[in-house]
Amino acid sequence: MLAISFENGVLGILAILVIGSLVLMHYLLFRDYSRQEKLHMQRLKNFENLVKQEILRSQSLAKSVDSLQEIKSTTDEKLEVIKLQVEGLDSQQKQDIAK
């Protein structure tokens, strides 16, 4: 009789230990899950910031290319005017020599 009650006490203690260890494992699992979720969200925010920076860099690069195209076109126009002026001076000089 004493052995049966002793075994029931040991089984009760073992059951409490098993349930306690399961609760502890679930607590550790959920704690790790929440930590991983926070890290994942931080990585996503960092990646989003990186994408925004890249978009801004691309926009500024596009603006630079546009301004360089404008400078090139105005320079080409000015060079064309200078070229026409030089040709006009050459032709005028040839007419003056021919007279």
PDB file of N, CA and C in Angstrom:
ATOM      1  N   MET A   1       0.800  -1.174   0.000  1.00  0.00           N
ATOM      2  CA  MET A   1       0.000   0.000   0.000  1.00  0.00           C
ATOM      3  C   MET A   1       0.865   1.269   0.000  1.00  0.00           C
ATOM      4  N   LEU A   2       1.911   1.223   0.809  1.00  0.00           N
ATOM      5  CA  LEU A   2       2.835   2.339   0.868  1.00  0.00           C
ATOM      6  C   LEU A   2       3.558   2.491  -0.465  1.00  0.00           C
ATOM      7  N   ALA A   3       3.878   1.362  -1.113  1.00  0.00           N
ATOM      8  CA  ALA A   3       4.562   1.399  -2.404  1.00  0.00           C
ATOM      9  C   ALA A   3       3.656   2.011  -3.464  1.00  0.00           C
ATOM     10  N   ILE A   4       2.361   1.724  -3.421  1.00  0.00           N
ATOM     11  CA  ILE A   4       1.424   2.260  -4.403  1.00  0.00           C
ATOM     12  C   ILE A   4       1.298   3.777  -4.215  1.00  0.00           C
ATOM     13  N   SER A   5       1.172   4.228  -2.986  1.00  0.00           N
ATOM     14  CA  SER A   5       1.052   5.671  -2.745  1.00  0.00           C
ATOM     15  C   SER A   5       2.373   6.374  -3.080  1.00  0.00           C
ATOM     16  N   PHE A   6       3.482   5.719  -2.843  1.00  0.00           N
ATOM     17  CA  PHE A   6       4.789   6.286  -3.194  1.00  0.00           C
ATOM     18  C   PHE A   6       4.905   6.412  -4.708  1.00  0.00           C
ATOM     19  N   GLU A   7       4.453   5.358  -5.417  1.00  0.00           N
ATOM     20  CA  GLU A   7       4.495   5.400  -6.873  1.00  0.00           C
ATOM     21  C   GLU A   7       3.577   6.481  -7.414  1.00  0.00           C
ATOM     22  N   ASN A   8       2.389   6.673  -6.806  1.00  0.00           N
ATOM     23  CA  ASN A   8       1.477   7.731  -7.242  1.00  0.00           C
ATOM     24  C   ASN A   8       2.102   9.105  -7.010  1.00  0.00           C
ATOM     25  N   GLY A   9       2.819   9.265  -5.900  1.00  0.00           N
ATOM     26  CA  GLY A   9       3.497  10.532  -5.616  1.00  0.00           C
ATOM     27  C   GLY A   9       4.604  10.801  -6.618  1.00  0.00           C
ATOM     28  N   VAL A  10       5.364   9.757  -6.947  1.00  0.00           N
ATOM     29  CA  VAL A  10       6.449   9.896  -7.921  1.00  0.00           C
ATOM     30  C   VAL A  10       5.872  10.191  -9.293  1.00  0.00           C
ATOM     31  N   LEU A  11       4.773   9.502  -9.639  1.00  0.00           N
ATOM     32  CA  LEU A  11       4.140   9.762 -10.931  1.00  0.00           C
ATOM     33  C   LEU A  11       3.598  11.185 -10.994  1.00  0.00           C
ATOM     34  N   GLY A  12       3.055  11.675  -9.896  1.00  0.00           N
ATOM     35  CA  GLY A  12       2.557  13.058  -9.845  1.00  0.00           C
ATOM     36  C   GLY A  12       3.685  14.058 -10.026  1.00  0.00           C
ATOM     37  N   ILE A  13       4.789  13.783  -9.339  1.00  0.00           N
ATOM     38  CA  ILE A  13       5.960  14.670  -9.481  1.00  0.00           C
ATOM     39  C   ILE A  13       6.491  14.625 -10.906  1.00  0.00           C
ATOM     40  N   LEU A  14       6.560  13.421 -11.490  1.00  0.00           N
ATOM     41  CA  LEU A  14       7.019  13.301 -12.876  1.00  0.00           C
ATOM     42  C   LEU A  14       6.069  14.026 -13.825  1.00  0.00           C
ATOM     43  N   ALA A  15       4.764  13.909 -13.615  1.00  0.00           N
ATOM     44  CA  ALA A  15       3.792  14.594 -14.465  1.00  0.00           C
ATOM     45  C   ALA A  15       3.963  16.104 -14.360  1.00  0.00           C
ATOM     46  N   ILE A  16       4.164  16.606 -13.138  1.00  0.00           N
ATOM     47  CA  ILE A  16       4.368  18.046 -12.949  1.00  0.00           C
ATOM     48  C   ILE A  16       5.648  18.493 -13.635  1.00  0.00           C
ATOM     49  N   LEU A  17       6.711  17.682 -13.541  1.00  0.00           N
ATOM     50  CA  LEU A  17       7.979  18.017 -14.206  1.00  0.00           C
ATOM     51  C   LEU A  17       7.823  18.040 -15.723  1.00  0.00           C
ATOM     52  N   VAL A  18       7.078  17.058 -16.251  1.00  0.00           N
ATOM     53  CA  VAL A  18       6.863  17.004 -17.707  1.00  0.00           C
ATOM     54  C   VAL A  18       6.064  18.218 -18.157  1.00  0.00           C
ATOM     55  N   ILE A  19       4.982  18.529 -17.457  1.00  0.00           N
ATOM     56  CA  ILE A  19       4.161  19.685 -17.819  1.00  0.00           C
ATOM     57  C   ILE A  19       4.966  20.982 -17.669  1.00  0.00           C
ATOM     58  N   GLY A  20       5.736  21.077 -16.613  1.00  0.00           N
ATOM     59  CA  GLY A  20       6.575  22.267 -16.408  1.00  0.00           C
ATOM     60  C   GLY A  20       7.613  22.420 -17.498  1.00  0.00           C
ATOM     61  N   SER A  21       8.229  21.315 -17.900  1.00  0.00           N
ATOM     62  CA  SER A  21       9.234  21.407 -18.967  1.00  0.00           C
ATOM     63  C   SER A  21       8.585  21.754 -20.302  1.00  0.00           C
ATOM     64  N   LEU A  22       7.362  21.259 -20.557  1.00  0.00           N
ATOM     65  CA  LEU A  22       6.656  21.635 -21.781  1.00  0.00           C
ATOM     66  C   LEU A  22       6.313  23.125 -21.786  1.00  0.00           C
ATOM     67  N   VAL A  23       5.863  23.618 -20.652  1.00  0.00           N
ATOM     68  CA  VAL A  23       5.557  25.047 -20.553  1.00  0.00           C
ATOM     69  C   VAL A  23       6.828  25.864 -20.756  1.00  0.00           C
ATOM     70  N   LEU A  24       7.916  25.446 -20.151  1.00  0.00           N
ATOM     71  CA  LEU A  24       9.193  26.148 -20.313  1.00  0.00           C
ATOM     72  C   LEU A  24       9.643  26.127 -21.769  1.00  0.00           C
ATOM     73  N   MET A  25       9.523  24.983 -22.436  1.00  0.00           N
ATOM     74  CA  MET A  25       9.920  24.887 -23.840  1.00  0.00           C
ATOM     75  C   MET A  25       9.057  25.808 -24.704  1.00  0.00           C
ATOM     76  N   HIS A  26       7.753  25.859 -24.450  1.00  0.00           N
ATOM     77  CA  HIS A  26       6.890  26.744 -25.218  1.00  0.00           C
ATOM     78  C   HIS A  26       7.237  28.213 -24.959  1.00  0.00           C
ATOM     79  N   TYR A  27       7.518  28.546 -23.721  1.00  0.00           N
ATOM     80  CA  TYR A  27       7.917  29.909 -23.405  1.00  0.00           C
ATOM     81  C   TYR A  27       9.191  30.284 -24.160  1.00  0.00           C
ATOM     82  N   LEU A  28      10.188  29.401 -24.126  1.00  0.00           N
ATOM     83  CA  LEU A  28      11.449  29.677 -24.827  1.00  0.00           C
ATOM     84  C   LEU A  28      11.230  29.764 -26.332  1.00  0.00           C
ATOM     85  N   LEU A  29      10.369  28.909 -26.850  1.00  0.00           N
ATOM     86  CA  LEU A  29      10.077  28.916 -28.282  1.00  0.00           C
ATOM     87  C   LEU A  29       9.412  30.230 -28.697  1.00  0.00           C
ATOM     88  N   PHE A  30       8.409  30.665 -27.968  1.00  0.00           N
ATOM     89  CA  PHE A  30       7.724  31.912 -28.302  1.00  0.00           C
ATOM     90  C   PHE A  30       8.624  33.126 -28.097  1.00  0.00           C
ATOM     91  N   ARG A  31       9.481  33.081 -27.088  1.00  0.00           N
ATOM     92  CA  ARG A  31      10.415  34.183 -26.870  1.00  0.00           C
ATOM     93  C   ARG A  31      11.391  34.282 -28.038  1.00  0.00           C
ATOM     94  N   ASP A  32      11.896  33.151 -28.492  1.00  0.00           N
ATOM     95  CA  ASP A  32      12.809  33.146 -29.637  1.00  0.00           C
ATOM     96  C   ASP A  32      12.079  33.590 -30.901  1.00  0.00           C
ATOM     97  N   TYR A  33      10.829  33.164 -31.051  1.00  0.00           N
ATOM     98  CA  TYR A  33      10.042  33.567 -32.215  1.00  0.00           C
ATOM     99  C   TYR A  33       9.856  35.078 -32.238  1.00  0.00           C
ATOM    100  N   SER A  34       9.520  35.667 -31.110  1.00  0.00           N
ATOM    101  CA  SER A  34       9.323  37.115 -31.068  1.00  0.00           C
ATOM    102  C   SER A  34      10.635  37.851 -31.333  1.00  0.00           C
ATOM    103  N   ARG A  35      11.750  37.325 -30.847  1.00  0.00           N
ATOM    104  CA  ARG A  35      13.054  37.948 -31.108  1.00  0.00           C
ATOM    105  C   ARG A  35      13.388  37.876 -32.591  1.00  0.00           C
ATOM    106  N   GLN A  36      13.139  36.719 -33.205  1.00  0.00           N
ATOM    107  CA  GLN A  36      13.399  36.566 -34.639  1.00  0.00           C
ATOM    108  C   GLN A  36      12.477  37.480 -35.454  1.00  0.00           C
ATOM    109  N   GLU A  37      11.244  37.622 -35.013  1.00  0.00           N
ATOM    110  CA  GLU A  37      10.296  38.500 -35.709  1.00  0.00           C
ATOM    111  C   GLU A  37      10.766  39.949 -35.643  1.00  0.00           C
ATOM    112  N   LYS A  38      11.277  40.387 -34.490  1.00  0.00           N
ATOM    113  CA  LYS A  38      11.802  41.747 -34.361  1.00  0.00           C
ATOM    114  C   LYS A  38      13.005  41.946 -35.276  1.00  0.00           C
ATOM    115  N   LEU A  39      13.893  40.962 -35.312  1.00  0.00           N
ATOM    116  CA  LEU A  39      15.056  41.061 -36.207  1.00  0.00           C
ATOM    117  C   LEU A  39      14.627  41.125 -37.666  1.00  0.00           C
ATOM    118  N   HIS A  40      13.646  40.319 -38.007  1.00  0.00           N
ATOM    119  CA  HIS A  40      13.146  40.300 -39.386  1.00  0.00           C
ATOM    120  C   HIS A  40      12.540  41.657 -39.762  1.00  0.00           C
ATOM    121  N   MET A  41      11.757  42.234 -38.856  1.00  0.00           N
ATOM    122  CA  MET A  41      11.164  43.540 -39.126  1.00  0.00           C
ATOM    123  C   MET A  41      12.248  44.613 -39.255  1.00  0.00           C
ATOM    124  N   GLN A  42      13.287  44.531 -38.438  1.00  0.00           N
ATOM    125  CA  GLN A  42      14.386  45.498 -38.536  1.00  0.00           C
ATOM    126  C   GLN A  42      15.110  45.355 -39.870  1.00  0.00           C
ATOM    127  N   ARG A  43      15.318  44.136 -40.306  1.00  0.00           N
ATOM    128  CA  ARG A  43      15.964  43.916 -41.612  1.00  0.00           C
ATOM    129  C   ARG A  43      15.103  44.477 -42.741  1.00  0.00           C
ATOM    130  N   LEU A  44      13.791  44.283 -42.631  1.00  0.00           N
ATOM    131  CA  LEU A  44      12.893  44.821 -43.653  1.00  0.00           C
ATOM    132  C   LEU A  44      12.937  46.347 -43.679  1.00  0.00           C
ATOM    133  N   LYS A  45      12.978  46.974 -42.509  1.00  0.00           N
ATOM    134  CA  LYS A  45      13.071  48.433 -42.454  1.00  0.00           C
ATOM    135  C   LYS A  45      14.392  48.908 -43.049  1.00  0.00           C
ATOM    136  N   ASN A  46      15.476  48.221 -42.727  1.00  0.00           N
ATOM    137  CA  ASN A  46      16.787  48.585 -43.288  1.00  0.00           C
ATOM    138  C   ASN A  46      16.788  48.433 -44.804  1.00  0.00           C
ATOM    139  N   PHE A  47      16.170  47.361 -45.281  1.00  0.00           N
ATOM    140  CA  PHE A  47      16.105  47.141 -46.726  1.00  0.00           C
ATOM    141  C   PHE A  47      15.245  48.213 -47.393  1.00  0.00           C
ATOM    142  N   GLU A  48      14.149  48.594 -46.752  1.00  0.00           N
ATOM    143  CA  GLU A  48      13.293  49.643 -47.290  1.00  0.00           C
ATOM    144  C   GLU A  48      14.046  50.967 -47.357  1.00  0.00           C
ATOM    145  N   ASN A  49      14.812  51.279 -46.319  1.00  0.00           N
ATOM    146  CA  ASN A  49      15.624  52.506 -46.336  1.00  0.00           C
ATOM    147  C   ASN A  49      16.672  52.461 -47.439  1.00  0.00           C
ATOM    148  N   LEU A  50      17.255  51.303 -47.641  1.00  0.00           N
ATOM    149  CA  LEU A  50      18.246  51.147 -48.707  1.00  0.00           C
ATOM    150  C   LEU A  50      17.616  51.364 -50.075  1.00  0.00           C
ATOM    151  N   VAL A  51      16.413  50.838 -50.260  1.00  0.00           N
ATOM    152  CA  VAL A  51      15.705  51.024 -51.532  1.00  0.00           C
ATOM    153  C   VAL A  51      15.385  52.504 -51.746  1.00  0.00           C
ATOM    154  N   LYS A  52      14.952  53.197 -50.685  1.00  0.00           N
ATOM    155  CA  LYS A  52      14.661  54.624 -50.800  1.00  0.00           C
ATOM    156  C   LYS A  52      15.911  55.415 -51.164  1.00  0.00           C
ATOM    157  N   GLN A  53      17.032  55.069 -50.534  1.00  0.00           N
ATOM    158  CA  GLN A  53      18.288  55.754 -50.859  1.00  0.00           C
ATOM    159  C   GLN A  53      18.681  55.519 -52.309  1.00  0.00           C
ATOM    160  N   GLU A  54      18.484  54.306 -52.789  1.00  0.00           N
ATOM    161  CA  GLU A  54      18.829  53.987 -54.176  1.00  0.00           C
ATOM    162  C   GLU A  54      17.925  54.743 -55.145  1.00  0.00           C
ATOM    163  N   ILE A  55      16.658  54.883 -54.791  1.00  0.00           N
ATOM    164  CA  ILE A  55      15.739  55.646 -55.639  1.00  0.00           C
ATOM    165  C   ILE A  55      16.163  57.105 -55.695  1.00  0.00           C
ATOM    166  N   LEU A  56      16.514  57.681 -54.552  1.00  0.00           N
ATOM    167  CA  LEU A  56      16.978  59.072 -54.525  1.00  0.00           C
ATOM    168  C   LEU A  56      18.261  59.249 -55.324  1.00  0.00           C
ATOM    169  N   ARG A  57      19.165  58.282 -55.200  1.00  0.00           N
ATOM    170  CA  ARG A  57      20.418  58.356 -55.960  1.00  0.00           C
ATOM    171  C   ARG A  57      20.140  58.290 -57.454  1.00  0.00           C
ATOM    172  N   SER A  58      19.239  57.412 -57.855  1.00  0.00           N
ATOM    173  CA  SER A  58      18.899  57.280 -59.270  1.00  0.00           C
ATOM    174  C   SER A  58      18.240  58.543 -59.801  1.00  0.00           C
ATOM    175  N   GLN A  59      17.374  59.150 -58.983  1.00  0.00           N
ATOM    176  CA  GLN A  59      16.725  60.390 -59.405  1.00  0.00           C
ATOM    177  C   GLN A  59      17.736  61.514 -59.577  1.00  0.00           C
ATOM    178  N   SER A  60      18.674  61.621 -58.630  1.00  0.00           N
ATOM    179  CA  SER A  60      19.683  62.681 -58.753  1.00  0.00           C
ATOM    180  C   SER A  60      20.588  62.428 -59.951  1.00  0.00           C
ATOM    181  N   LEU A  61      20.874  61.163 -60.219  1.00  0.00           N
ATOM    182  CA  LEU A  61      21.681  60.834 -61.394  1.00  0.00           C
ATOM    183  C   LEU A  61      20.942  61.189 -62.675  1.00  0.00           C
ATOM    184  N   ALA A  62      19.637  60.916 -62.702  1.00  0.00           N
ATOM    185  CA  ALA A  62      18.841  61.265 -63.886  1.00  0.00           C
ATOM    186  C   ALA A  62      18.802  62.776 -64.085  1.00  0.00           C
ATOM    187  N   LYS A  63      18.683  63.534 -62.981  1.00  0.00           N
ATOM    188  CA  LYS A  63      18.686  64.994 -63.085  1.00  0.00           C
ATOM    189  C   LYS A  63      20.030  65.486 -63.607  1.00  0.00           C
ATOM    190  N   SER A  64      21.108  64.859 -63.148  1.00  0.00           N
ATOM    191  CA  SER A  64      22.446  65.249 -63.616  1.00  0.00           C
ATOM    192  C   SER A  64      22.595  64.983 -65.109  1.00  0.00           C
ATOM    193  N   VAL A  65      22.084  63.856 -65.552  1.00  0.00           N
ATOM    194  CA  VAL A  65      22.166  63.522 -66.975  1.00  0.00           C
ATOM    195  C   VAL A  65      21.363  64.528 -67.788  1.00  0.00           C
ATOM    196  N   ASP A  66      20.185  64.901 -67.290  1.00  0.00           N
ATOM    197  CA  ASP A  66      19.370  65.891 -67.995  1.00  0.00           C
ATOM    198  C   ASP A  66      20.091  67.232 -68.089  1.00  0.00           C
ATOM    199  N   SER A  67      20.683  67.667 -66.986  1.00  0.00           N
ATOM    200  CA  SER A  67      21.379  68.959 -67.015  1.00  0.00           C
ATOM    201  C   SER A  67      22.596  68.887 -67.942  1.00  0.00           C
ATOM    202  N   LEU A  68      23.285  67.763 -67.966  1.00  0.00           N
ATOM    203  CA  LEU A  68      24.423  67.624 -68.891  1.00  0.00           C
ATOM    204  C   LEU A  68      23.955  67.653 -70.348  1.00  0.00           C
ATOM    205  N   GLN A  69      22.808  67.064 -70.622  1.00  0.00           N
ATOM    206  CA  GLN A  69      22.269  67.107 -71.982  1.00  0.00           C
ATOM    207  C   GLN A  69      21.933  68.542 -72.383  1.00  0.00           C
ATOM    208  N   GLU A  70      21.359  69.310 -71.450  1.00  0.00           N
ATOM    209  CA  GLU A  70      21.047  70.709 -71.738  1.00  0.00           C
ATOM    210  C   GLU A  70      22.319  71.508 -71.998  1.00  0.00           C
ATOM    211  N   ILE A  71      23.331  71.291 -71.179  1.00  0.00           N
ATOM    212  CA  ILE A  71      24.612  71.992 -71.360  1.00  0.00           C
ATOM    213  C   ILE A  71      25.222  71.617 -72.704  1.00  0.00           C
ATOM    214  N   LYS A  72      25.145  70.345 -73.043  1.00  0.00           N
ATOM    215  CA  LYS A  72      25.703  69.891 -74.321  1.00  0.00           C
ATOM    216  C   LYS A  72      24.972  70.522 -75.499  1.00  0.00           C
ATOM    217  N   SER A  73      23.658  70.592 -75.422  1.00  0.00           N
ATOM    218  CA  SER A  73      22.905  71.164 -76.540  1.00  0.00           C
ATOM    219  C   SER A  73      23.191  72.656 -76.690  1.00  0.00           C
ATOM    220  N   THR A  74      23.262  73.390 -75.572  1.00  0.00           N
ATOM    221  CA  THR A  74      23.571  74.821 -75.682  1.00  0.00           C
ATOM    222  C   THR A  74      24.997  75.035 -76.182  1.00  0.00           C
ATOM    223  N   THR A  75      25.912  74.196 -75.741  1.00  0.00           N
ATOM    224  CA  THR A  75      27.301  74.301 -76.211  1.00  0.00           C
ATOM    225  C   THR A  75      27.384  74.001 -77.704  1.00  0.00           C
ATOM    226  N   ASP A  76      26.654  72.980 -78.149  1.00  0.00           N
ATOM    227  CA  ASP A  76      26.649  72.656 -79.575  1.00  0.00           C
ATOM    228  C   ASP A  76      26.075  73.813 -80.401  1.00  0.00           C
ATOM    229  N   GLU A  77      25.017  74.442 -79.877  1.00  0.00           N
ATOM    230  CA  GLU A  77      24.443  75.590 -80.586  1.00  0.00           C
ATOM    231  C   GLU A  77      25.454  76.733 -80.677  1.00  0.00           C
ATOM    232  N   LYS A  78      26.127  77.017 -79.580  1.00  0.00           N
ATOM    233  CA  LYS A  78      27.126  78.091 -79.575  1.00  0.00           C
ATOM    234  C   LYS A  78      28.279  77.770 -80.518  1.00  0.00           C
ATOM    235  N   LEU A  79      28.712  76.512 -80.529  1.00  0.00           N
ATOM    236  CA  LEU A  79      29.790  76.118 -81.445  1.00  0.00           C
ATOM    237  C   LEU A  79      29.359  76.257 -82.899  1.00  0.00           C
ATOM    238  N   GLU A  80      28.100  75.948 -83.176  1.00  0.00           N
ATOM    239  CA  GLU A  80      27.587  76.087 -84.543  1.00  0.00           C
ATOM    240  C   GLU A  80      27.571  77.554 -84.964  1.00  0.00           C
ATOM    241  N   VAL A  81      27.178  78.432 -84.040  1.00  0.00           N
ATOM    242  CA  VAL A  81      27.167  79.865 -84.330  1.00  0.00           C
ATOM    243  C   VAL A  81      28.591  80.349 -84.582  1.00  0.00           C
ATOM    244  N   ILE A  82      29.534  79.922 -83.739  1.00  0.00           N
ATOM    245  CA  ILE A  82      30.942  80.323 -83.923  1.00  0.00           C
ATOM    246  C   ILE A  82      31.462  79.799 -85.257  1.00  0.00           C
ATOM    247  N   LYS A  83      31.107  78.579 -85.599  1.00  0.00           N
ATOM    248  CA  LYS A  83      31.550  77.990 -86.870  1.00  0.00           C
ATOM    249  C   LYS A  83      31.005  78.795 -88.047  1.00  0.00           C
ATOM    250  N   LEU A  84      29.741  79.181 -87.980  1.00  0.00           N
ATOM    251  CA  LEU A  84      29.157  79.995 -89.055  1.00  0.00           C
ATOM    252  C   LEU A  84      29.817  81.361 -89.133  1.00  0.00           C
ATOM    253  N   GLN A  85      30.138  81.944 -87.966  1.00  0.00           N
ATOM    254  CA  GLN A  85      30.817  83.242 -87.966  1.00  0.00           C
ATOM    255  C   GLN A  85      32.197  83.131 -88.598  1.00  0.00           C
ATOM    256  N   VAL A  86      32.929  82.062 -88.282  1.00  0.00           N
ATOM    257  CA  VAL A  86      34.272  81.859 -88.854  1.00  0.00           C
ATOM    258  C   VAL A  86      34.159  81.656 -90.360  1.00  0.00           C
ATOM    259  N   GLU A  87      33.172  80.883 -90.805  1.00  0.00           N
ATOM    260  CA  GLU A  87      32.983  80.680 -92.252  1.00  0.00           C
ATOM    261  C   GLU A  87      32.631  81.997 -92.936  1.00  0.00           C
ATOM    262  N   GLY A  88      31.797  82.795 -92.248  1.00  0.00           N
ATOM    263  CA  GLY A  88      31.449  84.108 -92.820  1.00  0.00           C
ATOM    264  C   GLY A  88      32.667  85.008 -92.921  1.00  0.00           C
ATOM    265  N   LEU A  89      33.510  84.999 -91.890  1.00  0.00           N
ATOM    266  CA  LEU A  89      34.731  85.812 -91.937  1.00  0.00           C
ATOM    267  C   LEU A  89      35.675  85.323 -93.027  1.00  0.00           C
ATOM    268  N   ASP A  90      35.778  84.006 -93.202  1.00  0.00           N
ATOM    269  CA  ASP A  90      36.639  83.458 -94.253  1.00  0.00           C
ATOM    270  C   ASP A  90      36.136  83.863 -95.631  1.00  0.00           C
ATOM    271  N   SER A  91      34.833  83.757 -95.816  1.00  0.00           N
ATOM    272  CA  SER A  91      34.290  84.118 -97.137  1.00  0.00           C
ATOM    273  C   SER A  91      34.430  85.611 -97.385  1.00  0.00           C
ATOM    274  N   GLN A  92      34.245  86.417 -96.345  1.00  0.00           N
ATOM    275  CA  GLN A  92      34.419  87.862 -96.492  1.00  0.00           C
ATOM    276  C   GLN A  92      35.874  88.197 -96.793  1.00  0.00           C
ATOM    277  N   GLN A  93      36.780  87.481 -96.143  1.00  0.00           N
ATOM    278  CA  GLN A  93      38.211  87.713 -96.369  1.00  0.00           C
ATOM    279  C   GLN A  93      38.563  87.318 -97.804  1.00  0.00           C
ATOM    280  N   LYS A  94      38.010  86.223 -98.278  1.00  0.00           N
ATOM    281  CA  LYS A  94      38.286  85.806 -99.666  1.00  0.00           C
ATOM    282  C   LYS A  94      37.721  86.838-100.668  1.00  0.00           C
ATOM    283  N   GLN A  95      36.563  87.413-100.345  1.00  0.00           N
ATOM    284  CA  GLN A  95      35.988  88.436-101.231  1.00  0.00           C
ATOM    285  C   GLN A  95      36.853  89.685-101.214  1.00  0.00           C
ATOM    286  N   ASP A  96      37.378  90.023-100.038  1.00  0.00           N
ATOM    287  CA  ASP A  96      38.232  91.215 -99.956  1.00  0.00           C
ATOM    288  C   ASP A  96      39.543  90.988-100.710  1.00  0.00           C
ATOM    289  N   ILE A  97      40.076  89.780-100.689  1.00  0.00           N
ATOM    290  CA  ILE A  97      41.315  89.470-101.406  1.00  0.00           C
ATOM    291  C   ILE A  97      41.049  89.482-102.909  1.00  0.00           C
ATOM    292  N   ALA A  98      39.885  88.996-103.315  1.00  0.00           N
ATOM    293  CA  ALA A  98      39.556  88.922-104.728  1.00  0.00           C
ATOM    294  C   ALA A  98      39.367  90.323-105.315  1.00  0.00           C
ATOM    295  N   LYS A  99      39.011  91.307-104.574  1.00  0.00           N
ATOM    296  CA  LYS A  99      38.800  92.657-105.091  1.00  0.00           C
ATOM    297  C   LYS A  99      40.089  93.308-105.318  1.00  0.00           C
TER     298      LYS A  99
END
